[in-house]
Protein backbone atom coordinates (compact mmCIF):
# COMPACT_ATOMS: atom_id res chain seq x y z
CA MET A 1 16.50 -9.41 -20.17
CA THR A 2 14.78 -8.93 -23.64
CA GLY A 3 12.23 -6.77 -25.19
CA PRO A 4 8.96 -9.54 -24.69
CA HIS A 5 10.02 -9.27 -21.29
CA GLY A 6 9.78 -5.74 -20.49
CA VAL A 7 6.51 -5.62 -22.28
CA LEU A 8 5.37 -8.40 -19.67
CA LEU A 9 6.62 -6.63 -17.03
CA PHE A 10 5.08 -3.66 -18.26
CA GLY A 11 1.47 -5.43 -18.53
CA LEU A 12 1.72 -7.04 -15.11
CA SER A 13 1.94 -4.11 -13.33
CA LEU A 14 -0.14 -1.98 -15.43
CA ALA A 15 -2.70 -4.87 -14.57
CA ALA A 16 -1.70 -4.87 -10.29
CA SER A 17 -1.67 -1.24 -10.47
CA THR A 18 -4.88 -1.07 -11.91
CA ILE A 19 -6.79 -3.32 -10.01
CA GLY A 20 -4.77 -1.64 -6.11
CA GLY A 21 -5.90 1.73 -7.78
CA MET A 22 -9.73 0.92 -8.33
CA LEU A 23 -9.93 0.19 -4.42
CA GLY A 24 -7.59 2.50 -3.44
CA MET A 25 -4.60 1.55 -2.73
CA ALA A 26 -0.70 0.95 -4.20
CA GLY A 27 -0.70 -2.16 -6.76
CA GLY A 28 2.44 -3.16 -4.53
CA VAL A 29 0.40 -6.18 -2.94
CA LEU A 30 -0.24 -7.95 -6.01
CA ILE A 31 2.80 -6.88 -8.37
CA VAL A 32 5.29 -8.82 -6.07
CA PRO A 33 3.65 -12.21 -6.45
CA ALA A 34 3.13 -11.14 -10.06
CA LEU A 35 6.48 -10.39 -10.66
CA THR A 36 7.59 -14.22 -8.64
CA MET A 37 5.27 -15.93 -10.86
CA VAL A 38 7.06 -15.46 -13.58
CA GLY A 39 9.75 -16.36 -12.23
CA VAL A 40 11.42 -12.98 -10.89
CA GLU A 41 13.89 -13.99 -7.50
CA ILE A 42 11.12 -12.36 -4.46
CA ARG A 43 14.08 -9.86 -3.49
CA THR A 44 14.44 -8.58 -6.77
CA ALA A 45 10.40 -8.35 -7.18
CA ILE A 46 10.38 -6.61 -3.88
CA ALA A 47 13.07 -3.72 -4.34
CA ALA A 48 11.16 -3.04 -7.64
CA SER A 49 7.70 -3.16 -6.38
CA ILE A 50 9.19 -0.65 -3.89
CA VAL A 51 10.41 1.39 -6.97
CA SER A 52 6.56 1.01 -8.38
CA VAL A 53 5.63 1.98 -5.16
CA ILE A 54 6.69 5.89 -5.17
CA ALA A 55 5.76 6.26 -8.51
CA SER A 56 1.70 5.56 -7.96
CA SER A 57 2.22 7.13 -5.35
CA CYS A 58 3.12 10.34 -6.63
CA ALA A 59 1.00 10.00 -9.65
CA SER A 60 -2.48 10.36 -7.48
CA ALA A 61 -1.55 12.07 -4.94
CA ALA A 62 -2.43 15.54 -6.43
CA PRO A 63 -5.74 15.21 -7.00
CA LEU A 64 -6.38 13.82 -3.38
CA LEU A 65 -4.11 16.77 -2.41
CA ARG A 66 -6.34 19.37 -3.73
CA SER A 67 -9.62 17.93 -2.44
CA ARG A 68 -8.44 18.65 1.23
CA LEU A 69 -8.95 15.00 1.89
CA THR A 70 -5.04 14.65 2.89
CA ASN A 71 -4.13 15.87 6.16
CA VAL A 72 -0.97 16.14 5.19
CA ARG A 73 -0.04 17.33 9.40
CA LEU A 74 -0.75 13.86 10.62
CA ALA A 75 0.18 12.47 7.59
CA LEU A 76 4.13 13.45 8.64
CA VAL A 77 3.42 13.16 11.65
CA LEU A 78 3.05 9.29 11.39
CA GLU A 79 6.08 9.13 9.07
CA LEU A 80 8.37 9.37 11.61
CA ALA A 81 7.19 5.86 12.84
CA THR A 82 6.00 3.87 9.85
CA THR A 83 9.67 5.45 8.11
CA LEU A 84 11.75 3.85 11.00
CA GLY A 85 9.72 0.68 10.43
CA ALA A 86 10.18 0.91 7.25
CA VAL A 87 13.92 1.17 7.86
CA SER A 88 13.86 -2.02 9.89
CA GLY A 89 12.37 -3.96 7.75
CA VAL A 90 15.02 -3.25 5.11
CA PHE A 91 17.82 -5.18 7.27
CA LEU A 92 15.35 -8.04 8.52
CA THR A 93 15.09 -9.02 4.81
CA GLY A 94 18.52 -9.81 4.92
CA TRP A 95 18.09 -12.08 8.07
CA LEU A 96 15.02 -13.92 6.70
CA PRO A 97 14.78 -16.59 4.48
CA THR A 98 13.07 -16.08 0.82
CA SER A 99 10.83 -19.16 2.22
CA LEU A 100 9.63 -17.37 4.68
CA LEU A 101 8.92 -14.57 3.19
CA PHE A 102 6.81 -16.08 0.90
CA LEU A 103 4.41 -17.58 3.73
CA VAL A 104 4.71 -14.18 5.20
CA PHE A 105 3.40 -12.75 2.29
CA ALA A 106 0.48 -15.11 1.78
CA VAL A 107 -0.86 -14.14 5.51
CA VAL A 108 -0.43 -10.71 4.40
CA LEU A 109 -3.01 -10.97 1.25
CA LEU A 110 -5.10 -13.26 3.36
CA ALA A 111 -5.49 -10.34 6.34
CA SER A 112 -5.87 -8.01 2.63
CA ALA A 113 -8.55 -10.47 1.56
CA LYS A 114 -10.66 -10.33 5.30
CA GLN A 115 -10.45 -6.30 5.20
CA MET A 116 -12.26 -6.15 1.82
CA LEU A 117 -15.11 -8.72 2.57
CA THR A 118 -15.57 -6.87 5.42
CA ARG A 119 -17.93 -3.87 5.25
CA ARG A 120 -17.01 -0.73 6.82
CA VAL A 121 -19.61 1.64 7.53
CA GLU A 122 -18.29 5.22 8.48
CA ALA A 123 -20.21 6.87 10.82
CA ALA A 124 -20.10 11.14 11.92
CA SER A 125 -17.45 11.88 14.28
CA VAL A 126 -19.65 13.15 17.43
CA ALA A 127 -16.74 13.50 19.65
CA LYS A 128 -14.97 16.99 20.86
CA ALA A 129 -10.94 17.16 21.41
CA THR A 130 -9.71 17.84 24.63
CA PRO A 131 -6.88 19.76 25.73
CA ALA A 132 -4.47 16.60 26.82
CA GLU A 133 -4.85 14.78 23.53
CA TRP A 134 -2.22 14.61 21.45
CA GLY A 135 -4.05 15.30 18.52
CA THR A 136 -5.18 18.46 19.95
CA VAL A 137 -1.31 19.75 21.29
CA LEU A 138 -0.01 18.81 17.58
CA ARG A 139 -3.12 20.69 15.86
CA LEU A 140 -3.55 16.99 13.89
CA HIS A 141 -7.36 17.77 13.99
CA GLY A 142 -9.39 18.93 10.35
CA SER A 143 -11.82 18.80 8.16
CA TYR A 144 -13.19 18.00 4.43
CA VAL A 145 -15.52 18.77 1.95
CA GLU A 146 -18.11 15.53 1.43
CA PRO A 147 -18.19 15.66 -2.63
CA SER A 148 -21.48 13.99 -2.87
CA THR A 149 -23.05 16.53 -0.78
CA GLY A 150 -21.06 19.49 -0.20
CA ALA A 151 -21.25 19.31 3.47
CA GLU A 152 -18.27 19.77 5.50
CA ILE A 153 -17.02 17.18 7.84
CA GLY A 154 -14.77 17.71 10.95
CA TYR A 155 -12.79 14.98 12.39
CA VAL A 156 -10.68 14.90 15.80
CA VAL A 157 -7.60 12.48 15.64
CA ARG A 158 -7.68 9.55 18.75
CA ARG A 159 -4.98 7.51 20.24
CA LEU A 160 -2.35 9.02 18.07
CA PRO A 161 0.52 6.35 20.36
CA SER A 162 -1.77 3.66 19.78
CA ALA A 163 -1.62 4.37 15.90
CA MET A 164 2.34 5.75 15.87
CA ALA A 165 2.84 1.81 17.20
CA LEU A 166 0.90 0.47 13.91
CA MET A 167 2.61 2.48 11.80
CA TYR A 168 5.86 1.26 13.03
CA ALA A 169 4.57 -2.24 12.59
CA ALA A 170 3.36 -1.31 8.72
CA GLY A 171 6.37 0.45 7.90
CA VAL A 172 8.63 -3.26 8.34
CA ILE A 173 6.01 -5.21 6.70
CA SER A 174 6.33 -2.46 3.67
CA ALA A 175 9.90 -2.84 3.32
CA LEU A 176 9.95 -6.60 4.24
CA LEU A 177 7.52 -7.59 1.40
CA GLY A 178 7.48 -4.45 -1.02
CA ILE A 179 4.26 -3.62 -0.50
CA GLY A 180 2.53 0.00 -0.13
CA SER A 181 1.10 -1.15 2.86
CA GLY A 182 -2.08 0.81 2.33
CA VAL A 183 -4.27 -2.11 3.69
CA LEU A 184 -2.29 -2.07 7.36
CA LYS A 185 -2.54 1.55 7.65
CA ILE A 186 -5.93 2.02 6.26
CA PRO A 187 -7.78 0.26 9.23
CA ALA A 188 -5.08 1.46 11.68
CA MET A 189 -6.06 5.53 11.11
CA ASP A 190 -10.16 3.59 10.99
CA THR A 191 -10.13 2.06 14.61
CA ALA A 192 -6.98 4.16 16.55
CA LEU A 193 -7.86 7.33 14.91
CA ARG A 194 -11.02 7.01 14.27
CA LEU A 195 -10.91 9.35 10.65
CA PRO A 196 -13.29 8.90 8.57
CA LEU A 197 -12.69 6.58 5.74
CA LYS A 198 -12.01 8.75 3.10
CA VAL A 199 -9.52 10.81 5.28
CA SER A 200 -7.75 7.50 5.83
CA SER A 201 -7.25 6.28 2.66
CA ALA A 202 -6.00 9.44 1.19
CA THR A 203 -3.96 10.45 4.32
CA SER A 204 -2.84 6.63 3.35
CA ASN A 205 -1.44 7.36 -0.27
CA PHE A 206 -0.05 10.02 0.23
CA MET A 207 2.01 8.33 3.34
CA ILE A 208 2.96 5.59 1.02
CA GLY A 209 5.43 7.35 -0.87
CA VAL A 210 7.39 8.19 1.64
CA THR A 211 7.48 4.90 3.24
CA ALA A 212 8.65 3.29 0.45
CA ALA A 213 11.63 5.66 -0.62
CA ALA A 214 12.72 5.52 3.09
CA SER A 215 13.89 1.78 1.99
CA ALA A 216 14.43 2.19 -1.99
CA GLY A 217 17.23 3.87 -1.09
CA ALA A 218 18.77 0.53 1.13
CA TYR A 219 17.72 -1.89 -1.32
CA PHE A 220 19.58 0.04 -4.31
CA LEU A 221 22.83 0.06 -1.93
CA ARG A 222 22.36 -3.43 -1.49
CA GLY A 223 22.45 -4.11 -5.58
CA ASP A 224 18.82 -5.42 -5.21
CA ILE A 225 17.38 -2.91 -7.45
CA GLU A 226 17.48 -4.02 -10.58
CA PRO A 227 17.11 -1.20 -13.88
CA ALA A 228 15.41 -3.87 -16.06
CA ILE A 229 13.29 -4.79 -13.98
CA ALA A 230 11.83 -1.98 -12.21
CA GLY A 231 11.73 0.42 -15.56
CA PRO A 232 8.83 -1.53 -16.75
CA VAL A 233 7.38 -2.06 -13.50
CA ALA A 234 7.35 1.62 -12.50
CA LEU A 235 6.34 3.04 -15.62
CA GLY A 236 3.80 0.57 -15.32
CA SER A 237 2.11 0.76 -12.19
CA VAL A 238 1.95 5.06 -12.92
CA VAL A 239 -0.41 4.19 -15.69
CA GLY A 240 -2.38 1.27 -13.76
CA ALA A 241 -2.69 4.13 -10.64
CA LEU A 242 -4.17 6.81 -12.73
CA LEU A 243 -6.11 4.46 -15.28
CA GLY A 244 -7.82 2.40 -11.96
CA ALA A 245 -8.35 5.91 -10.46
CA ARG A 246 -10.63 6.66 -13.59
CA LEU A 247 -12.44 2.47 -13.43
CA PHE A 248 -13.04 3.94 -9.54
CA VAL A 249 -15.71 5.94 -10.62
CA VAL A 250 -17.44 3.92 -12.99
CA VAL A 251 -17.37 -0.03 -11.32
CA SER A 252 -19.94 -0.76 -9.18
CA SER A 253 -18.04 -0.84 -5.17
CA GLU A 254 -19.29 -4.18 -4.04
CA ARG A 255 -18.54 -5.45 -7.65
CA LEU A 256 -14.34 -4.20 -6.94
CA ARG A 257 -13.99 -5.80 -3.08
CA MET A 258 -15.28 -9.08 -4.46
CA LEU A 259 -13.04 -8.87 -7.47
CA PHE A 260 -10.06 -7.98 -4.63
CA VAL A 261 -10.69 -10.91 -2.50
CA VAL A 262 -11.05 -13.61 -5.28
CA VAL A 263 -7.22 -11.94 -6.94
CA LEU A 264 -6.12 -12.17 -3.29
CA GLY A 265 -7.11 -15.27 -2.51
CA LEU A 266 -5.64 -17.30 -5.61
CA LEU A 267 -2.11 -15.06 -4.83
CA ALA A 268 -2.61 -15.95 -1.11
CA LEU A 269 -2.23 -19.47 -2.58
CA GLN A 270 0.35 -18.99 -4.79
CA MET A 271 2.13 -17.64 -2.65
CA THR A 272 2.01 -20.08 -0.08
CA LEU A 273 3.06 -23.16 -2.47
CA GLN A 274 6.08 -21.15 -3.03
CA GLY A 275 6.88 -20.62 0.39
CA PHE A 276 6.19 -24.71 0.48
CA GLY A 277 9.17 -25.23 -2.35
CA ILE A 278 6.35 -25.91 -4.90
CA HIS A 279 7.09 -23.36 -8.34
CA LEU A 280 3.87 -23.45 -10.75
CA PHE A 281 5.75 -21.38 -13.19
CA GLY A 282 9.16 -21.53 -14.49
CA ALA A 283 11.76 -18.70 -14.03
CA MET A 284 13.00 -16.40 -16.27
CA SER A 285 15.42 -16.32 -18.48
């Protein structure tokens, strides 16, 4: 890996993480296809993306913790299922052919685009907790202060077993494809647990790094993590995550949503072509 290649990898991860940061997600869903476009083998790209997800999650988690948007107790419970799924996903990568990984990734990208096109309306939770619910037993209910109004909003955690099943699936896909799986965790918490969107996003961001760390060790032991690739990618991801968070404040949400849909659609097309053996870009030497 030459110096120019390192700069290229840094630039790609910086751009991907900036876009991901603007939308409240890790940039792994963009980093893997971006790396494969310049000739990085997909398993190496997935391993490098896993490392970058850990770095970007650590960079952006602190402000959300200070704002009380992150439900740490709930995150630790859900991570039991997500981490188990991540370990399962690592073992599956050794059995699945590369072409199938490309096609699965294309499906995930299209699902992400569909999610961004769907306008999610956040309603205040008026439900009350019951003593028999898992959320009550484990003391998972919480509240947060809405920054725009200063009002404290309480919420009740619902249907925890269903959420655990969805989190296991999210962990499998996270390890299998090298993404933070925020595109799966956030809607899972919205639909199954009935959490406010801001709480779902902040808690998912906190979980992303833990999930990635669970699978990073296995990738390291298998020799899939190449420092010459993972290093520049991780560095670019940290800078991009911080930059994306700042841009998120000033850029219109509608413009961000449409930008993300366009990018995901193009990447899904590129990954589908590679899944069928059609490579648009040469290999990295």
